Amino acid sequence: MARQERAIRTRNRILDAMASLFNEVGYDAATIAALVERTGLTRGALYFHFASKEDIARAVLEEAVTRRGLRPQPFKVQEWVDLGLLLACRVPREPVLRAAIRLSVDPKARRLFGTRWPDWVAVGQELLVEAKERGELLPHADPAAVSRAVVGSWTGVQLVTEALGDGLDLAGEISMLYQLVLPNIVTPAVLARIDSSAYRAERLLREETPEADDTR
């Protein structure tokens, strides 16, 4: 068991280090040589876990769609909002999540590996379909269209926030995005009970129990 735990820690260390390189220099310029230097591991140790840089990039993208911190709520719309708020809270802290976005917008990486945007759209659409069935959405709100629009908007807000800097907080910017969107798709009675505050995700993550770890 101890050996297996060490192997998992080493694999995660490699993923974090290469994700940081993807974030700093882009997919093309990130190299195995730089990864060796950054981690202090031998090439043999790296290749035990990953056969190539391409394999690491695929592993980064596999980690992208995460429901960590998400908990059942009285309204499905709240769960949908929580999904975006939680990601906004985690992305600035977790290189792998940030790198998954960076790889998705990098033209070469996107040609090689695709993106996880369709998966994010599907997850959001599923929650919004349930919300509509429960009468939480306005009649004109199309779950598929709303999910696509918000995934695209979320990604744009993250990229612009990162590029502008100036002390901008991603959680706050994403909170504002939901505050703009929700009145146009959610019934007034439900809207009054939805929490889209920038601090909600922090609270959800603090309340997270070990059993409620990442479920993808």
N, C-alpha and C. Protein backbone atom coordinates (compact mmCIF):
# COMPACT_ATOMS: atom_id res chain seq x y z
N MET A 1 0.82 -1.21 0.00
CA MET A 1 0.00 0.00 0.00
C MET A 1 0.86 1.26 0.00
N ALA A 2 1.93 1.25 0.81
CA ALA A 2 2.82 2.42 0.87
C ALA A 2 3.45 2.67 -0.48
N ARG A 3 3.85 1.59 -1.18
CA ARG A 3 4.45 1.75 -2.51
C ARG A 3 3.44 2.33 -3.49
N GLN A 4 2.21 1.85 -3.39
CA GLN A 4 1.17 2.37 -4.29
C GLN A 4 0.91 3.85 -4.01
N GLU A 5 0.87 4.24 -2.74
CA GLU A 5 0.65 5.64 -2.39
C GLU A 5 1.79 6.51 -2.90
N ARG A 6 3.03 6.01 -2.79
CA ARG A 6 4.17 6.76 -3.32
C ARG A 6 4.06 6.94 -4.82
N ALA A 7 3.62 5.88 -5.50
CA ALA A 7 3.47 5.97 -6.95
C ALA A 7 2.41 7.00 -7.34
N ILE A 8 1.31 7.04 -6.59
CA ILE A 8 0.26 8.02 -6.86
C ILE A 8 0.77 9.43 -6.63
N ARG A 9 1.52 9.62 -5.52
CA ARG A 9 2.07 10.94 -5.23
C ARG A 9 3.05 11.38 -6.31
N THR A 10 3.87 10.44 -6.79
CA THR A 10 4.83 10.78 -7.83
C THR A 10 4.12 11.14 -9.13
N ARG A 11 3.09 10.38 -9.46
CA ARG A 11 2.32 10.67 -10.67
C ARG A 11 1.69 12.07 -10.58
N ASN A 12 1.11 12.38 -9.44
CA ASN A 12 0.49 13.69 -9.27
C ASN A 12 1.53 14.81 -9.31
N ARG A 13 2.71 14.52 -8.77
CA ARG A 13 3.80 15.51 -8.81
C ARG A 13 4.21 15.80 -10.25
N ILE A 14 4.29 14.75 -11.06
CA ILE A 14 4.63 14.93 -12.48
C ILE A 14 3.55 15.74 -13.19
N LEU A 15 2.29 15.38 -12.94
CA LEU A 15 1.18 16.10 -13.57
C LEU A 15 1.20 17.57 -13.20
N ASP A 16 1.38 17.87 -11.91
CA ASP A 16 1.40 19.27 -11.46
C ASP A 16 2.55 20.04 -12.10
N ALA A 17 3.73 19.39 -12.16
CA ALA A 17 4.90 20.08 -12.70
C ALA A 17 4.74 20.34 -14.20
N MET A 18 4.27 19.35 -14.95
CA MET A 18 4.10 19.57 -16.38
C MET A 18 2.95 20.53 -16.65
N ALA A 19 1.91 20.46 -15.83
CA ALA A 19 0.82 21.42 -15.98
C ALA A 19 1.32 22.84 -15.79
N SER A 20 2.19 23.04 -14.81
CA SER A 20 2.76 24.37 -14.59
C SER A 20 3.57 24.83 -15.79
N LEU A 21 4.30 23.90 -16.41
CA LEU A 21 5.06 24.24 -17.61
C LEU A 21 4.13 24.60 -18.77
N PHE A 22 3.06 23.84 -18.95
CA PHE A 22 2.08 24.17 -19.99
C PHE A 22 1.54 25.58 -19.76
N ASN A 23 1.26 25.91 -18.50
CA ASN A 23 0.71 27.23 -18.18
C ASN A 23 1.72 28.34 -18.44
N GLU A 24 2.98 28.07 -18.17
CA GLU A 24 4.01 29.10 -18.25
C GLU A 24 4.51 29.33 -19.68
N VAL A 25 4.72 28.24 -20.43
CA VAL A 25 5.37 28.39 -21.74
C VAL A 25 4.55 27.85 -22.90
N GLY A 26 3.42 27.22 -22.62
CA GLY A 26 2.61 26.65 -23.69
C GLY A 26 2.98 25.21 -23.98
N TYR A 27 2.12 24.55 -24.75
CA TYR A 27 2.32 23.12 -25.01
C TYR A 27 3.61 22.84 -25.77
N ASP A 28 3.85 23.58 -26.86
CA ASP A 28 5.02 23.29 -27.70
C ASP A 28 6.33 23.43 -26.95
N ALA A 29 6.46 24.48 -26.16
CA ALA A 29 7.74 24.78 -25.51
C ALA A 29 7.98 23.96 -24.25
N ALA A 30 6.95 23.34 -23.72
CA ALA A 30 7.13 22.49 -22.53
C ALA A 30 7.81 21.19 -22.95
N THR A 31 8.91 20.85 -22.29
CA THR A 31 9.69 19.67 -22.69
C THR A 31 9.89 18.72 -21.53
N ILE A 32 10.21 17.49 -21.87
CA ILE A 32 10.53 16.50 -20.84
C ILE A 32 11.80 16.90 -20.10
N ALA A 33 12.76 17.50 -20.82
CA ALA A 33 14.00 17.94 -20.17
C ALA A 33 13.69 18.97 -19.08
N ALA A 34 12.80 19.91 -19.38
CA ALA A 34 12.41 20.90 -18.38
C ALA A 34 11.67 20.25 -17.23
N LEU A 35 10.89 19.23 -17.53
CA LEU A 35 10.16 18.51 -16.49
C LEU A 35 11.12 17.78 -15.55
N VAL A 36 12.14 17.15 -16.14
CA VAL A 36 13.16 16.48 -15.32
C VAL A 36 13.84 17.48 -14.39
N GLU A 37 14.20 18.62 -14.94
CA GLU A 37 14.87 19.64 -14.12
C GLU A 37 13.95 20.14 -13.00
N ARG A 38 12.68 20.31 -13.31
CA ARG A 38 11.75 20.87 -12.33
C ARG A 38 11.43 19.88 -11.22
N THR A 39 11.29 18.62 -11.56
CA THR A 39 10.87 17.62 -10.56
C THR A 39 12.04 16.98 -9.84
N GLY A 40 13.22 16.97 -10.49
CA GLY A 40 14.35 16.26 -9.91
C GLY A 40 14.27 14.76 -10.08
N LEU A 41 13.28 14.29 -10.84
CA LEU A 41 13.14 12.87 -11.10
C LEU A 41 13.99 12.46 -12.30
N THR A 42 14.30 11.19 -12.39
CA THR A 42 15.02 10.69 -13.57
C THR A 42 14.03 10.50 -14.71
N ARG A 43 14.57 10.43 -15.92
CA ARG A 43 13.70 10.15 -17.07
C ARG A 43 13.02 8.79 -16.90
N GLY A 44 13.76 7.84 -16.33
CA GLY A 44 13.17 6.52 -16.11
C GLY A 44 11.95 6.59 -15.21
N ALA A 45 12.05 7.39 -14.15
CA ALA A 45 10.92 7.53 -13.23
C ALA A 45 9.74 8.19 -13.93
N LEU A 46 10.03 9.18 -14.77
CA LEU A 46 8.96 9.84 -15.52
C LEU A 46 8.29 8.87 -16.48
N TYR A 47 9.11 8.13 -17.22
CA TYR A 47 8.56 7.25 -18.24
C TYR A 47 7.86 6.03 -17.63
N PHE A 48 8.12 5.75 -16.36
CA PHE A 48 7.38 4.68 -15.68
C PHE A 48 5.90 5.05 -15.60
N HIS A 49 5.63 6.35 -15.43
CA HIS A 49 4.25 6.81 -15.29
C HIS A 49 3.65 7.29 -16.61
N PHE A 50 4.45 7.90 -17.45
CA PHE A 50 3.94 8.46 -18.72
C PHE A 50 4.94 8.17 -19.83
N ALA A 51 4.44 7.72 -20.96
CA ALA A 51 5.31 7.35 -22.07
C ALA A 51 5.85 8.56 -22.82
N SER A 52 5.18 9.71 -22.71
CA SER A 52 5.56 10.87 -23.51
C SER A 52 4.89 12.13 -22.97
N LYS A 53 5.32 13.26 -23.51
CA LYS A 53 4.65 14.53 -23.19
C LYS A 53 3.19 14.48 -23.60
N GLU A 54 2.91 13.83 -24.72
CA GLU A 54 1.54 13.73 -25.19
C GLU A 54 0.67 12.98 -24.19
N ASP A 55 1.22 11.93 -23.60
CA ASP A 55 0.46 11.17 -22.58
C ASP A 55 0.16 12.04 -21.36
N ILE A 56 1.10 12.89 -20.98
CA ILE A 56 0.87 13.77 -19.84
C ILE A 56 -0.22 14.78 -20.17
N ALA A 57 -0.19 15.31 -21.38
CA ALA A 57 -1.23 16.26 -21.79
C ALA A 57 -2.61 15.60 -21.75
N ARG A 58 -2.68 14.37 -22.22
CA ARG A 58 -3.97 13.66 -22.17
C ARG A 58 -4.42 13.46 -20.72
N ALA A 59 -3.47 13.13 -19.84
CA ALA A 59 -3.81 12.94 -18.43
C ALA A 59 -4.29 14.23 -17.80
N VAL A 60 -3.68 15.35 -18.17
CA VAL A 60 -4.13 16.66 -17.67
C VAL A 60 -5.58 16.89 -18.08
N LEU A 61 -5.90 16.63 -19.33
CA LEU A 61 -7.26 16.86 -19.81
C LEU A 61 -8.25 15.91 -19.15
N GLU A 62 -7.80 14.71 -18.81
CA GLU A 62 -8.69 13.76 -18.13
C GLU A 62 -9.12 14.26 -16.75
N GLU A 63 -8.28 15.11 -16.15
CA GLU A 63 -8.58 15.64 -14.81
C GLU A 63 -9.51 16.85 -14.85
N ALA A 64 -9.84 17.32 -16.05
CA ALA A 64 -10.48 18.63 -16.18
C ALA A 64 -11.91 18.66 -15.66
N VAL A 65 -12.69 17.62 -15.95
CA VAL A 65 -14.10 17.65 -15.58
C VAL A 65 -14.24 17.04 -14.19
N THR A 66 -14.45 17.89 -13.21
CA THR A 66 -14.45 17.47 -11.82
C THR A 66 -15.66 18.03 -11.09
N ARG A 67 -16.22 17.22 -10.21
CA ARG A 67 -17.35 17.66 -9.39
C ARG A 67 -16.96 17.79 -7.92
N ARG A 68 -15.68 17.88 -7.66
CA ARG A 68 -15.25 17.97 -6.27
C ARG A 68 -15.92 19.15 -5.56
N GLY A 69 -16.46 18.89 -4.39
CA GLY A 69 -17.13 19.92 -3.61
C GLY A 69 -18.61 20.05 -3.89
N LEU A 70 -19.08 19.45 -5.01
CA LEU A 70 -20.49 19.56 -5.37
C LEU A 70 -21.33 18.67 -4.47
N ARG A 71 -22.40 19.24 -3.92
CA ARG A 71 -23.28 18.50 -3.02
C ARG A 71 -24.72 18.69 -3.45
N PRO A 72 -25.59 17.71 -3.15
CA PRO A 72 -27.01 17.87 -3.49
C PRO A 72 -27.60 19.12 -2.83
N GLN A 73 -28.43 19.82 -3.59
CA GLN A 73 -29.05 21.06 -3.11
C GLN A 73 -30.56 20.99 -3.35
N PRO A 74 -31.34 21.82 -2.66
CA PRO A 74 -32.78 21.81 -2.88
C PRO A 74 -33.17 22.13 -4.33
N PHE A 75 -32.34 22.94 -5.00
CA PHE A 75 -32.61 23.31 -6.39
C PHE A 75 -31.47 22.84 -7.29
N LYS A 76 -31.82 22.24 -8.42
CA LYS A 76 -30.80 21.80 -9.37
C LYS A 76 -30.06 22.99 -9.97
N VAL A 77 -30.74 24.13 -10.10
CA VAL A 77 -30.06 25.32 -10.59
C VAL A 77 -28.91 25.70 -9.66
N GLN A 78 -29.12 25.52 -8.36
CA GLN A 78 -28.04 25.82 -7.41
C GLN A 78 -26.85 24.91 -7.64
N GLU A 79 -27.10 23.64 -7.90
CA GLU A 79 -26.00 22.70 -8.18
C GLU A 79 -25.25 23.12 -9.44
N TRP A 80 -25.99 23.56 -10.45
CA TRP A 80 -25.36 24.02 -11.69
C TRP A 80 -24.48 25.23 -11.43
N VAL A 81 -24.98 26.19 -10.67
CA VAL A 81 -24.18 27.36 -10.32
C VAL A 81 -22.97 26.96 -9.47
N ASP A 82 -23.20 26.07 -8.52
CA ASP A 82 -22.09 25.62 -7.65
C ASP A 82 -20.96 25.01 -8.47
N LEU A 83 -21.32 24.27 -9.52
CA LEU A 83 -20.30 23.63 -10.36
C LEU A 83 -19.34 24.68 -10.92
N GLY A 84 -19.88 25.77 -11.43
CA GLY A 84 -19.04 26.84 -11.99
C GLY A 84 -18.29 27.61 -10.93
N LEU A 85 -18.93 27.86 -9.78
CA LEU A 85 -18.26 28.59 -8.71
C LEU A 85 -17.11 27.78 -8.12
N LEU A 86 -17.32 26.48 -7.95
CA LEU A 86 -16.26 25.62 -7.41
C LEU A 86 -15.06 25.59 -8.34
N LEU A 87 -15.31 25.49 -9.62
CA LEU A 87 -14.21 25.48 -10.58
C LEU A 87 -13.46 26.81 -10.54
N ALA A 88 -14.18 27.91 -10.42
CA ALA A 88 -13.55 29.23 -10.36
C ALA A 88 -12.69 29.38 -9.11
N CYS A 89 -13.09 28.74 -8.04
CA CYS A 89 -12.32 28.77 -6.80
C CYS A 89 -11.06 27.94 -6.92
N ARG A 90 -11.14 26.82 -7.63
CA ARG A 90 -10.03 25.87 -7.68
C ARG A 90 -9.01 26.17 -8.77
N VAL A 91 -9.46 26.69 -9.90
CA VAL A 91 -8.55 26.88 -11.04
C VAL A 91 -7.31 27.70 -10.70
N PRO A 92 -7.43 28.84 -10.00
CA PRO A 92 -6.22 29.62 -9.71
C PRO A 92 -5.23 28.88 -8.81
N ARG A 93 -5.70 27.88 -8.07
CA ARG A 93 -4.86 27.16 -7.11
C ARG A 93 -4.30 25.86 -7.66
N GLU A 94 -4.93 25.33 -8.71
CA GLU A 94 -4.59 23.99 -9.17
C GLU A 94 -4.05 24.05 -10.61
N PRO A 95 -2.75 23.85 -10.77
CA PRO A 95 -2.14 23.96 -12.10
C PRO A 95 -2.76 23.03 -13.13
N VAL A 96 -3.17 21.85 -12.71
CA VAL A 96 -3.71 20.89 -13.68
C VAL A 96 -5.01 21.41 -14.29
N LEU A 97 -5.89 21.96 -13.47
CA LEU A 97 -7.14 22.51 -14.00
C LEU A 97 -6.87 23.69 -14.93
N ARG A 98 -5.94 24.54 -14.51
CA ARG A 98 -5.60 25.70 -15.35
C ARG A 98 -4.99 25.25 -16.67
N ALA A 99 -4.15 24.23 -16.60
CA ALA A 99 -3.50 23.73 -17.82
C ALA A 99 -4.51 23.08 -18.77
N ALA A 100 -5.53 22.44 -18.22
CA ALA A 100 -6.56 21.84 -19.07
C ALA A 100 -7.24 22.91 -19.92
N ILE A 101 -7.48 24.08 -19.32
CA ILE A 101 -8.05 25.19 -20.09
C ILE A 101 -7.05 25.69 -21.12
N ARG A 102 -5.79 25.83 -20.70
CA ARG A 102 -4.76 26.33 -21.61
C ARG A 102 -4.59 25.39 -22.81
N LEU A 103 -4.59 24.08 -22.57
CA LEU A 103 -4.47 23.12 -23.67
C LEU A 103 -5.68 23.20 -24.60
N SER A 104 -6.84 23.48 -24.03
CA SER A 104 -8.07 23.53 -24.83
C SER A 104 -8.09 24.72 -25.78
N VAL A 105 -7.40 25.80 -25.42
CA VAL A 105 -7.38 26.98 -26.30
C VAL A 105 -6.12 27.04 -27.16
N ASP A 106 -5.16 26.14 -26.91
CA ASP A 106 -3.95 26.08 -27.73
C ASP A 106 -4.29 25.34 -29.03
N PRO A 107 -4.14 25.98 -30.20
CA PRO A 107 -4.58 25.36 -31.46
C PRO A 107 -3.94 23.99 -31.71
N LYS A 108 -2.63 23.86 -31.48
CA LYS A 108 -1.97 22.58 -31.75
C LYS A 108 -2.45 21.51 -30.79
N ALA A 109 -2.50 21.84 -29.50
CA ALA A 109 -2.96 20.86 -28.50
C ALA A 109 -4.40 20.45 -28.78
N ARG A 110 -5.22 21.40 -29.18
CA ARG A 110 -6.62 21.08 -29.46
C ARG A 110 -6.73 20.14 -30.66
N ARG A 111 -5.88 20.35 -31.67
CA ARG A 111 -5.90 19.42 -32.82
C ARG A 111 -5.47 18.02 -32.40
N LEU A 112 -4.50 17.94 -31.50
CA LEU A 112 -3.97 16.65 -31.09
C LEU A 112 -4.89 15.90 -30.13
N PHE A 113 -5.47 16.62 -29.18
CA PHE A 113 -6.16 15.96 -28.07
C PHE A 113 -7.63 16.31 -27.93
N GLY A 114 -8.10 17.30 -28.69
CA GLY A 114 -9.45 17.75 -28.48
C GLY A 114 -9.55 18.56 -27.19
N THR A 115 -10.75 18.72 -26.68
CA THR A 115 -10.97 19.49 -25.45
C THR A 115 -11.97 18.74 -24.57
N ARG A 116 -12.15 19.23 -23.35
CA ARG A 116 -13.19 18.67 -22.48
C ARG A 116 -14.43 19.55 -22.46
N TRP A 117 -14.47 20.56 -23.32
CA TRP A 117 -15.65 21.43 -23.35
C TRP A 117 -16.95 20.66 -23.61
N PRO A 118 -16.98 19.69 -24.53
CA PRO A 118 -18.23 18.94 -24.70
C PRO A 118 -18.68 18.24 -23.42
N ASP A 119 -17.71 17.76 -22.64
CA ASP A 119 -18.06 17.09 -21.39
C ASP A 119 -18.64 18.06 -20.37
N TRP A 120 -18.02 19.27 -20.29
CA TRP A 120 -18.55 20.29 -19.39
C TRP A 120 -19.95 20.70 -19.81
N VAL A 121 -20.16 20.85 -21.11
CA VAL A 121 -21.49 21.20 -21.61
C VAL A 121 -22.50 20.12 -21.22
N ALA A 122 -22.10 18.86 -21.36
CA ALA A 122 -23.00 17.74 -21.04
C ALA A 122 -23.36 17.71 -19.56
N VAL A 123 -22.37 17.95 -18.70
CA VAL A 123 -22.62 17.96 -17.25
C VAL A 123 -23.61 19.08 -16.90
N GLY A 124 -23.36 20.28 -17.43
CA GLY A 124 -24.26 21.40 -17.16
C GLY A 124 -25.64 21.17 -17.72
N GLN A 125 -25.70 20.62 -18.92
CA GLN A 125 -27.00 20.37 -19.56
C GLN A 125 -27.82 19.38 -18.73
N GLU A 126 -27.16 18.36 -18.22
CA GLU A 126 -27.86 17.36 -17.40
C GLU A 126 -28.53 18.01 -16.19
N LEU A 127 -27.79 18.87 -15.50
CA LEU A 127 -28.35 19.55 -14.33
C LEU A 127 -29.49 20.48 -14.73
N LEU A 128 -29.31 21.18 -15.84
CA LEU A 128 -30.34 22.13 -16.27
C LEU A 128 -31.59 21.42 -16.78
N VAL A 129 -31.45 20.27 -17.39
CA VAL A 129 -32.62 19.49 -17.80
C VAL A 129 -33.44 19.11 -16.57
N GLU A 130 -32.76 18.65 -15.53
CA GLU A 130 -33.47 18.32 -14.28
C GLU A 130 -34.13 19.56 -13.69
N ALA A 131 -33.41 20.68 -13.75
CA ALA A 131 -33.98 21.92 -13.23
C ALA A 131 -35.25 22.30 -13.99
N LYS A 132 -35.23 22.14 -15.30
CA LYS A 132 -36.41 22.49 -16.10
C LYS A 132 -37.57 21.55 -15.79
N GLU A 133 -37.27 20.27 -15.62
CA GLU A 133 -38.32 19.31 -15.29
C GLU A 133 -38.97 19.63 -13.96
N ARG A 134 -38.22 20.26 -13.06
CA ARG A 134 -38.74 20.63 -11.74
C ARG A 134 -39.42 22.00 -11.75
N GLY A 135 -39.44 22.66 -12.90
CA GLY A 135 -40.07 23.96 -12.99
C GLY A 135 -39.23 25.11 -12.49
N GLU A 136 -37.89 24.92 -12.43
CA GLU A 136 -37.01 25.96 -11.93
C GLU A 136 -36.61 26.96 -13.01
N LEU A 137 -36.74 26.58 -14.28
CA LEU A 137 -36.33 27.45 -15.38
C LEU A 137 -37.53 28.09 -16.05
N LEU A 138 -37.30 29.25 -16.63
CA LEU A 138 -38.33 29.92 -17.42
C LEU A 138 -38.63 29.09 -18.68
N PRO A 139 -39.83 29.20 -19.22
CA PRO A 139 -40.22 28.35 -20.36
C PRO A 139 -39.27 28.43 -21.56
N HIS A 140 -38.71 29.60 -21.83
CA HIS A 140 -37.88 29.75 -23.03
C HIS A 140 -36.46 29.20 -22.84
N ALA A 141 -36.07 28.89 -21.62
CA ALA A 141 -34.68 28.49 -21.35
C ALA A 141 -34.41 27.09 -21.89
N ASP A 142 -33.51 26.99 -22.83
CA ASP A 142 -33.11 25.72 -23.45
C ASP A 142 -31.86 25.21 -22.74
N PRO A 143 -31.94 24.11 -21.98
CA PRO A 143 -30.78 23.64 -21.22
C PRO A 143 -29.51 23.48 -22.04
N ALA A 144 -29.61 22.93 -23.24
CA ALA A 144 -28.42 22.73 -24.06
C ALA A 144 -27.80 24.06 -24.46
N ALA A 145 -28.62 24.97 -24.91
CA ALA A 145 -28.12 26.28 -25.36
C ALA A 145 -27.53 27.06 -24.19
N VAL A 146 -28.20 27.03 -23.05
CA VAL A 146 -27.69 27.75 -21.88
C VAL A 146 -26.36 27.17 -21.43
N SER A 147 -26.28 25.85 -21.40
CA SER A 147 -25.03 25.22 -20.96
C SER A 147 -23.88 25.56 -21.89
N ARG A 148 -24.11 25.51 -23.21
CA ARG A 148 -23.06 25.88 -24.17
C ARG A 148 -22.62 27.31 -23.97
N ALA A 149 -23.59 28.21 -23.83
CA ALA A 149 -23.27 29.63 -23.70
C ALA A 149 -22.47 29.91 -22.44
N VAL A 150 -22.83 29.26 -21.34
CA VAL A 150 -22.14 29.54 -20.08
C VAL A 150 -20.76 28.89 -20.06
N VAL A 151 -20.60 27.71 -20.62
CA VAL A 151 -19.26 27.11 -20.71
C VAL A 151 -18.35 28.02 -21.52
N GLY A 152 -18.83 28.52 -22.64
CA GLY A 152 -18.03 29.44 -23.44
C GLY A 152 -17.73 30.73 -22.71
N SER A 153 -18.72 31.27 -22.04
CA SER A 153 -18.53 32.52 -21.30
C SER A 153 -17.57 32.31 -20.12
N TRP A 154 -17.74 31.20 -19.41
CA TRP A 154 -16.87 30.89 -18.27
C TRP A 154 -15.41 30.86 -18.73
N THR A 155 -15.16 30.16 -19.83
CA THR A 155 -13.79 30.06 -20.33
C THR A 155 -13.24 31.43 -20.70
N GLY A 156 -14.05 32.23 -21.36
CA GLY A 156 -13.61 33.58 -21.74
C GLY A 156 -13.32 34.44 -20.53
N VAL A 157 -14.16 34.38 -19.52
CA VAL A 157 -13.93 35.16 -18.30
C VAL A 157 -12.62 34.72 -17.64
N GLN A 158 -12.37 33.41 -17.60
CA GLN A 158 -11.14 32.93 -16.97
C GLN A 158 -9.92 33.44 -17.71
N LEU A 159 -9.93 33.37 -19.03
CA LEU A 159 -8.77 33.80 -19.82
C LEU A 159 -8.54 35.30 -19.70
N VAL A 160 -9.61 36.07 -19.76
CA VAL A 160 -9.49 37.53 -19.67
C VAL A 160 -9.03 37.93 -18.27
N THR A 161 -9.58 37.31 -17.24
CA THR A 161 -9.18 37.61 -15.86
C THR A 161 -7.71 37.33 -15.65
N GLU A 162 -7.24 36.19 -16.17
CA GLU A 162 -5.83 35.83 -16.03
C GLU A 162 -4.94 36.81 -16.79
N ALA A 163 -5.38 37.20 -17.98
CA ALA A 163 -4.56 38.09 -18.80
C ALA A 163 -4.49 39.51 -18.23
N LEU A 164 -5.59 39.99 -17.71
CA LEU A 164 -5.63 41.37 -17.21
C LEU A 164 -4.93 41.52 -15.86
N GLY A 165 -5.02 40.48 -15.04
CA GLY A 165 -4.42 40.61 -13.71
C GLY A 165 -5.08 41.73 -12.94
N ASP A 166 -4.30 42.70 -12.51
CA ASP A 166 -4.83 43.88 -11.81
C ASP A 166 -5.63 43.51 -10.57
N GLY A 167 -5.26 42.40 -9.94
CA GLY A 167 -5.95 42.01 -8.71
C GLY A 167 -7.34 41.44 -8.92
N LEU A 168 -7.71 41.15 -10.18
CA LEU A 168 -9.03 40.57 -10.43
C LEU A 168 -9.11 39.17 -9.85
N ASP A 169 -10.25 38.86 -9.29
CA ASP A 169 -10.47 37.57 -8.65
C ASP A 169 -11.42 36.74 -9.51
N LEU A 170 -10.98 35.56 -9.93
CA LEU A 170 -11.79 34.74 -10.83
C LEU A 170 -13.12 34.39 -10.18
N ALA A 171 -13.10 34.04 -8.91
CA ALA A 171 -14.36 33.68 -8.24
C ALA A 171 -15.35 34.84 -8.29
N GLY A 172 -14.87 36.05 -8.08
CA GLY A 172 -15.74 37.21 -8.14
C GLY A 172 -16.26 37.47 -9.53
N GLU A 173 -15.41 37.29 -10.53
CA GLU A 173 -15.83 37.53 -11.92
C GLU A 173 -16.86 36.49 -12.37
N ILE A 174 -16.65 35.23 -11.98
CA ILE A 174 -17.60 34.18 -12.35
C ILE A 174 -18.92 34.38 -11.60
N SER A 175 -18.84 34.82 -10.36
CA SER A 175 -20.06 35.14 -9.61
C SER A 175 -20.87 36.19 -10.35
N MET A 176 -20.20 37.20 -10.87
CA MET A 176 -20.88 38.25 -11.64
C MET A 176 -21.52 37.68 -12.90
N LEU A 177 -20.82 36.74 -13.56
CA LEU A 177 -21.38 36.11 -14.75
C LEU A 177 -22.72 35.45 -14.44
N TYR A 178 -22.77 34.68 -13.35
CA TYR A 178 -24.02 34.02 -13.00
C TYR A 178 -25.10 35.03 -12.61
N GLN A 179 -24.73 36.10 -11.95
CA GLN A 179 -25.70 37.12 -11.57
C GLN A 179 -26.33 37.77 -12.81
N LEU A 180 -25.57 37.84 -13.90
CA LEU A 180 -26.10 38.38 -15.15
C LEU A 180 -27.00 37.36 -15.88
N VAL A 181 -26.62 36.10 -15.80
CA VAL A 181 -27.33 35.06 -16.56
C VAL A 181 -28.62 34.61 -15.87
N LEU A 182 -28.56 34.39 -14.56
CA LEU A 182 -29.65 33.74 -13.85
C LEU A 182 -31.02 34.43 -14.02
N PRO A 183 -31.12 35.76 -13.94
CA PRO A 183 -32.44 36.37 -14.08
C PRO A 183 -33.10 36.10 -15.43
N ASN A 184 -32.31 35.75 -16.42
CA ASN A 184 -32.86 35.50 -17.76
C ASN A 184 -33.30 34.07 -17.98
N ILE A 185 -33.00 33.16 -17.05
CA ILE A 185 -33.34 31.75 -17.28
C ILE A 185 -34.08 31.11 -16.11
N VAL A 186 -34.05 31.73 -14.93
CA VAL A 186 -34.60 31.10 -13.73
C VAL A 186 -35.90 31.80 -13.31
N THR A 187 -36.87 31.03 -12.85
CA THR A 187 -38.13 31.62 -12.40
C THR A 187 -37.86 32.53 -11.19
N PRO A 188 -38.63 33.60 -11.05
CA PRO A 188 -38.39 34.54 -9.95
C PRO A 188 -38.41 33.90 -8.56
N ALA A 189 -39.31 32.96 -8.33
CA ALA A 189 -39.41 32.33 -7.01
C ALA A 189 -38.14 31.55 -6.67
N VAL A 190 -37.58 30.87 -7.66
CA VAL A 190 -36.35 30.11 -7.44
C VAL A 190 -35.15 31.04 -7.38
N LEU A 191 -35.13 32.04 -8.24
CA LEU A 191 -34.01 32.98 -8.30
C LEU A 191 -33.75 33.60 -6.93
N ALA A 192 -34.79 33.92 -6.21
CA ALA A 192 -34.64 34.56 -4.91
C ALA A 192 -33.93 33.67 -3.90
N ARG A 193 -33.84 32.38 -4.20
CA ARG A 193 -33.25 31.44 -3.25
C ARG A 193 -31.91 30.86 -3.73
N ILE A 194 -31.39 31.37 -4.83
CA ILE A 194 -30.12 30.89 -5.37
C ILE A 194 -28.98 31.76 -4.86
N ASP A 195 -27.95 31.11 -4.37
CA ASP A 195 -26.75 31.81 -3.88
C ASP A 195 -25.66 31.71 -4.94
N SER A 196 -25.32 32.85 -5.53
CA SER A 196 -24.24 32.86 -6.53
C SER A 196 -23.07 33.72 -6.06
N SER A 197 -22.94 33.86 -4.75
CA SER A 197 -21.88 34.70 -4.20
C SER A 197 -20.50 34.11 -4.44
N ALA A 198 -19.52 34.97 -4.49
CA ALA A 198 -18.15 34.54 -4.77
C ALA A 198 -17.57 33.69 -3.65
N TYR A 199 -18.15 33.74 -2.45
CA TYR A 199 -17.59 33.03 -1.30
C TYR A 199 -18.25 31.67 -1.07
N ARG A 200 -19.26 31.37 -1.85
CA ARG A 200 -19.99 30.11 -1.64
C ARG A 200 -19.10 28.88 -1.85
N ALA A 201 -18.28 28.90 -2.89
CA ALA A 201 -17.45 27.74 -3.19
C ALA A 201 -16.47 27.44 -2.07
N GLU A 202 -15.89 28.47 -1.48
CA GLU A 202 -14.97 28.27 -0.35
C GLU A 202 -15.68 27.52 0.77
N ARG A 203 -16.90 27.91 1.04
CA ARG A 203 -17.66 27.26 2.11
C ARG A 203 -17.95 25.80 1.77
N LEU A 204 -18.31 25.53 0.53
CA LEU A 204 -18.58 24.16 0.12
C LEU A 204 -17.34 23.29 0.24
N LEU A 205 -16.19 23.82 -0.13
CA LEU A 205 -14.95 23.05 -0.05
C LEU A 205 -14.54 22.82 1.40
N ARG A 206 -14.79 23.79 2.27
CA ARG A 206 -14.48 23.60 3.69
C ARG A 206 -15.36 22.53 4.31
N GLU A 207 -16.59 22.46 3.85
CA GLU A 207 -17.54 21.49 4.41
C GLU A 207 -17.36 20.10 3.83
N GLU A 208 -16.53 20.00 2.82
CA GLU A 208 -16.35 18.72 2.13
C GLU A 208 -15.79 17.68 3.09
N THR A 209 -16.37 16.48 3.05
CA THR A 209 -15.88 15.37 3.87
C THR A 209 -14.96 14.51 3.02
N PRO A 210 -14.08 13.68 3.65
CA PRO A 210 -13.20 12.81 2.87
C PRO A 210 -13.96 11.90 1.91
N GLU A 211 -15.17 11.47 2.32
CA GLU A 211 -15.94 10.57 1.46
C GLU A 211 -16.47 11.29 0.23
N ALA A 212 -16.54 12.62 0.32
CA ALA A 212 -17.09 13.39 -0.81
C ALA A 212 -16.01 13.90 -1.71
N ASP A 213 -14.90 13.17 -1.82
CA ASP A 213 -13.78 13.58 -2.66
C ASP A 213 -14.22 13.59 -4.11
N ASP A 214 -13.28 13.88 -4.98
CA ASP A 214 -13.58 14.12 -6.39
C ASP A 214 -14.38 12.97 -7.02
N THR A 215 -15.55 13.28 -7.56
CA THR A 215 -16.33 12.31 -8.31
C THR A 215 -16.51 12.86 -9.71
N ARG A 216 -16.04 12.09 -10.67
CA ARG A 216 -16.08 12.59 -12.05
C ARG A 216 -17.18 11.90 -12.84
